[in-house]
């Protein structure tokens, strides 16, 4: 009986040896790939968390500089976050913040550079839209109407389409193109939810051009 069991065990052992000889390398490499992938996945998420934490710290610095009105420090903080953590949302938020504050402080060239970076590099359609709208606003203030309209070309994500139409209306109205301006304001009014406060501002613009927006909407 013992001999029979020994022979059976030896046969099983030989089968295992044969199987491992045939498939062992493939299994080993498969395990290496799986474990390496798992390690890379963990490493990637750790790296992302680390990047996000450091970018957040730099954004806080930019925010403090903005609230203090220290544009030089704001530009440095934005430059650092843009150079080191360009792929994070914090960098794009810092660009929008820098564009807003620098424009308010009269540094339009730096403001436009920050906003143009967001418009070009952001992975978020909403941030891109905001940057383009603000660039158009700066150009409108400077009476650079063609530049403003260029920023408003193409498609805008979601609710930003109505805001882009409103801004085009502003540019066209400034150019004295009443008919074209009315067309854009009507698009903006129709595209904004009735509960959105800004819709009333568009209505005021339409009223100023002789159009009763509320009455038209009821037809």
Protein backbone atom coordinates (compact mmCIF):
# COMPACT_ATOMS: atom_id res chain seq x y z
CA UNK A 1 0.00 0.00 0.00
CA UNK A 2 2.81 2.31 0.95
CA UNK A 3 4.57 1.52 -2.31
CA UNK A 4 1.39 2.26 -4.24
CA UNK A 5 1.04 5.62 -2.52
CA UNK A 6 4.68 6.40 -3.13
CA UNK A 7 4.30 5.66 -6.81
CA UNK A 8 1.13 7.72 -7.03
CA UNK A 9 2.75 10.65 -5.24
CA UNK A 10 5.79 10.35 -7.52
CA UNK A 11 3.53 10.40 -10.57
CA UNK A 12 1.74 13.50 -9.28
CA UNK A 13 5.08 15.12 -8.53
CA UNK A 14 6.29 14.33 -12.02
CA UNK A 15 3.11 15.91 -13.44
CA UNK A 16 3.68 19.04 -11.39
CA UNK A 17 7.30 19.20 -12.53
CA UNK A 18 6.23 18.78 -16.13
CA UNK A 19 3.55 21.45 -15.79
CA UNK A 20 5.94 23.88 -14.13
CA UNK A 21 8.65 23.17 -16.68
CA UNK A 22 6.19 23.97 -19.44
CA UNK A 23 4.29 26.91 -17.92
CA UNK A 24 6.41 28.06 -15.00
CA UNK A 25 8.14 30.94 -16.74
CA UNK A 26 4.87 32.26 -18.15
CA UNK A 27 3.21 32.11 -14.74
CA UNK A 28 6.18 33.81 -13.10
CA UNK A 29 6.16 36.64 -15.61
CA UNK A 30 2.40 37.00 -15.30
CA UNK A 31 2.75 37.36 -11.53
CA UNK A 32 5.53 39.90 -12.00
CA UNK A 33 3.38 41.94 -14.37
CA UNK A 34 0.36 41.80 -12.05
CA UNK A 35 2.38 42.73 -8.96
CA UNK A 36 4.25 45.46 -10.84
CA UNK A 37 0.94 46.85 -12.06
CA UNK A 38 -0.46 46.84 -8.56
CA UNK A 39 2.65 48.57 -7.23
CA UNK A 40 2.48 51.13 -10.05
CA UNK A 41 -1.20 51.77 -9.33
CA UNK A 42 -0.46 52.39 -5.67
CA UNK A 43 2.54 54.51 -6.58
CA UNK A 44 0.51 56.57 -9.05
CA UNK A 45 -2.19 57.31 -6.50
CA UNK A 46 0.40 58.18 -3.88
CA UNK A 47 2.09 60.50 -6.37
CA UNK A 48 -1.24 62.10 -7.25
CA UNK A 49 -2.06 62.68 -3.59
CA UNK A 50 1.38 64.15 -3.03
CA UNK A 51 1.08 66.41 -6.08
CA UNK A 52 -2.36 67.55 -5.02
CA UNK A 53 -1.24 68.35 -1.47
CA UNK A 54 1.74 70.39 -2.66
CA UNK A 55 -0.34 72.17 -5.31
CA UNK A 56 -2.95 72.97 -2.68
CA UNK A 57 -0.29 74.59 -0.52
CA UNK A 58 0.85 76.78 -3.40
CA UNK A 59 -2.75 77.71 -4.23
CA UNK A 60 -3.26 78.82 -0.62
CA UNK A 61 -0.20 81.03 -1.03
CA UNK A 62 -1.66 82.51 -4.22
CA UNK A 63 -4.98 83.10 -2.48
CA UNK A 64 -3.33 84.85 0.47
CA UNK A 65 -1.36 87.05 -1.93
CA UNK A 66 -4.54 87.89 -3.86
CA UNK A 67 -6.43 88.89 -0.70
CA UNK A 68 -3.48 91.00 0.39
CA UNK A 69 -3.30 92.68 -3.01
CA UNK A 70 0.33 91.56 -3.38
CA UNK A 71 0.45 91.00 -7.13
CA UNK A 72 4.17 90.24 -7.23
CA UNK A 73 3.74 87.40 -4.71
CA UNK A 74 0.63 86.24 -6.55
CA UNK A 75 2.52 86.03 -9.84
CA UNK A 76 5.34 84.08 -8.17
CA UNK A 77 2.93 81.62 -6.58
CA UNK A 78 1.08 81.14 -9.85
CA UNK A 79 4.37 80.68 -11.70
CA UNK A 80 5.46 78.01 -9.22
CA UNK A 81 2.23 76.05 -9.33
CA UNK A 82 2.06 76.31 -13.12
CA UNK A 83 5.65 75.10 -13.54
CA UNK A 84 5.51 72.26 -11.01
CA UNK A 85 1.89 71.11 -10.92
CA UNK A 86 0.38 72.20 -14.21
CA UNK A 87 -1.84 69.14 -14.44
CA UNK A 88 -3.72 69.83 -11.21
CA UNK A 89 -6.99 71.72 -10.89
CA UNK A 90 -5.30 73.93 -8.29
CA UNK A 91 -3.01 75.30 -11.00
CA UNK A 92 -5.98 76.14 -13.21
CA UNK A 93 -7.84 77.75 -10.31
CA UNK A 94 -4.73 79.78 -9.53
CA UNK A 95 -4.63 80.94 -13.15
CA UNK A 96 -8.22 82.16 -12.99
CA UNK A 97 -7.53 83.88 -9.68
CA UNK A 98 -4.38 85.54 -10.99
CA UNK A 99 -6.17 86.68 -14.15
CA UNK A 100 -8.97 88.27 -12.13
CA UNK A 101 -6.79 90.05 -9.57
CA UNK A 102 -4.13 91.21 -12.01
CA UNK A 103 -6.81 92.68 -14.28
CA UNK A 104 -8.39 94.49 -11.34
CA UNK A 105 -4.97 95.89 -10.48
CA UNK A 106 -4.44 97.15 -14.03
CA UNK A 107 -1.82 94.60 -15.11
CA UNK A 108 -3.68 93.43 -18.18
CA UNK A 109 -0.74 91.78 -19.94
CA UNK A 110 -0.06 89.48 -16.98
CA UNK A 111 -3.78 88.87 -16.54
CA UNK A 112 -4.19 87.85 -20.15
CA UNK A 113 -1.15 85.56 -19.97
CA UNK A 114 -2.57 83.75 -16.93
CA UNK A 115 -6.02 83.38 -18.47
CA UNK A 116 -4.64 82.30 -21.84
CA UNK A 117 -2.70 79.55 -20.09
CA UNK A 118 -5.88 78.25 -18.46
CA UNK A 119 -7.84 78.49 -21.71
CA UNK A 120 -5.16 76.50 -23.53
CA UNK A 121 -3.98 74.02 -20.90
CA UNK A 122 -6.94 73.29 -18.64
CA UNK A 123 -8.46 69.82 -18.81
CA UNK A 124 -11.73 71.17 -17.39
CA UNK A 125 -14.16 72.61 -20.00
CA UNK A 126 -15.68 74.89 -17.36
CA UNK A 127 -12.36 76.48 -16.46
CA UNK A 128 -11.53 76.87 -20.14
CA UNK A 129 -14.84 78.62 -20.71
CA UNK A 130 -14.35 80.96 -17.76
CA UNK A 131 -10.88 81.88 -18.96
CA UNK A 132 -12.15 82.65 -22.48
CA UNK A 133 -15.04 84.74 -21.15
CA UNK A 134 -12.69 86.76 -18.97
CA UNK A 135 -10.24 87.25 -21.84
CA UNK A 136 -13.13 88.51 -23.95
CA UNK A 137 -14.11 90.88 -21.17
CA UNK A 138 -10.60 92.32 -20.94
CA UNK A 139 -10.52 92.80 -24.72
CA UNK A 140 -13.95 94.47 -24.62
CA UNK A 141 -12.78 96.89 -21.94
CA UNK A 142 -9.84 97.76 -24.18
CA UNK A 143 -12.20 98.22 -27.16
CA UNK A 144 -10.34 95.40 -28.93
CA UNK A 145 -13.60 94.10 -30.37
CA UNK A 146 -12.19 91.67 -32.91
CA UNK A 147 -10.02 90.09 -30.24
CA UNK A 148 -13.01 89.81 -27.93
CA UNK A 149 -15.12 88.09 -30.57
CA UNK A 150 -12.27 85.73 -31.39
CA UNK A 151 -12.23 84.54 -27.78
CA UNK A 152 -15.95 83.84 -28.06
CA UNK A 153 -15.73 81.70 -31.19
CA UNK A 154 -16.40 77.99 -31.11
CA UNK A 155 -18.39 75.98 -28.63
CA UNK A 156 -18.79 76.53 -24.90
CA UNK A 157 -19.60 73.87 -22.36
CA UNK A 158 -23.12 73.67 -20.96
CA UNK A 159 -24.45 76.80 -19.32
CA UNK A 160 -21.42 78.78 -20.48
CA UNK A 161 -22.90 78.90 -23.98
CA UNK A 162 -25.53 81.39 -22.78
CA UNK A 163 -22.88 83.51 -21.05
CA UNK A 164 -20.80 83.54 -24.22
CA UNK A 165 -23.84 84.72 -26.19
CA UNK A 166 -24.38 87.49 -23.64
CA UNK A 167 -20.76 88.59 -23.95
CA UNK A 168 -20.97 88.57 -27.76
CA UNK A 169 -24.05 90.77 -27.39
CA UNK A 170 -22.00 93.19 -25.30
CA UNK A 171 -19.28 93.38 -27.94
CA UNK A 172 -21.73 93.84 -30.80
CA UNK A 173 -23.66 96.48 -28.87
CA UNK A 174 -20.40 98.35 -28.24
CA UNK A 175 -19.80 98.27 -31.99
CA UNK A 176 -23.23 99.74 -32.62
CA UNK A 177 -24.55 96.54 -34.22
CA UNK A 178 -27.96 96.54 -32.59
CA UNK A 179 -29.61 93.79 -34.64
CA UNK A 180 -26.73 91.35 -34.11
CA UNK A 181 -26.52 92.26 -30.43
CA UNK A 182 -30.24 91.61 -29.94
CA UNK A 183 -29.87 88.19 -31.54
CA UNK A 184 -27.11 87.23 -29.11
CA UNK A 185 -28.94 88.62 -26.07
CA UNK A 186 -32.02 86.64 -27.03
CA UNK A 187 -29.89 83.47 -27.19
CA UNK A 188 -28.46 84.25 -23.77
CA UNK A 189 -31.89 84.94 -22.27
CA UNK A 190 -33.34 81.73 -23.68
CA UNK A 191 -30.32 79.71 -22.54
CA UNK A 192 -30.35 80.83 -18.92
CA UNK A 193 -32.62 79.21 -16.37
CA UNK A 194 -35.35 81.53 -15.10
CA UNK A 195 -34.04 81.01 -11.56
CA UNK A 196 -30.59 82.32 -12.46
CA UNK A 197 -30.18 85.88 -11.22
CA UNK A 198 -27.98 86.86 -14.17
CA UNK A 199 -30.91 86.31 -16.52
CA UNK A 200 -32.42 89.54 -15.18
CA UNK A 201 -29.28 91.41 -16.26
CA UNK A 202 -29.72 90.09 -19.79
CA UNK A 203 -33.36 91.14 -19.66
CA UNK A 204 -32.30 94.67 -18.72
CA UNK A 205 -29.99 94.77 -21.74
CA UNK A 206 -32.79 93.63 -24.02
CA UNK A 207 -35.16 96.21 -22.54
CA UNK A 208 -32.54 98.90 -23.12
CA UNK A 209 -32.55 97.97 -26.79
CA UNK A 210 -36.33 98.17 -26.97
CA UNK A 211 -37.23 94.50 -26.51
CA UNK A 212 -39.61 93.20 -23.83
CA UNK A 213 -37.89 89.87 -23.13
CA UNK A 214 -40.49 88.64 -20.66
CA UNK A 215 -43.33 89.29 -23.11
CA UNK A 216 -41.46 87.53 -25.91
CA UNK A 217 -40.81 84.51 -23.70
CA UNK A 218 -44.56 84.08 -23.10
CA UNK A 219 -45.38 83.88 -26.78
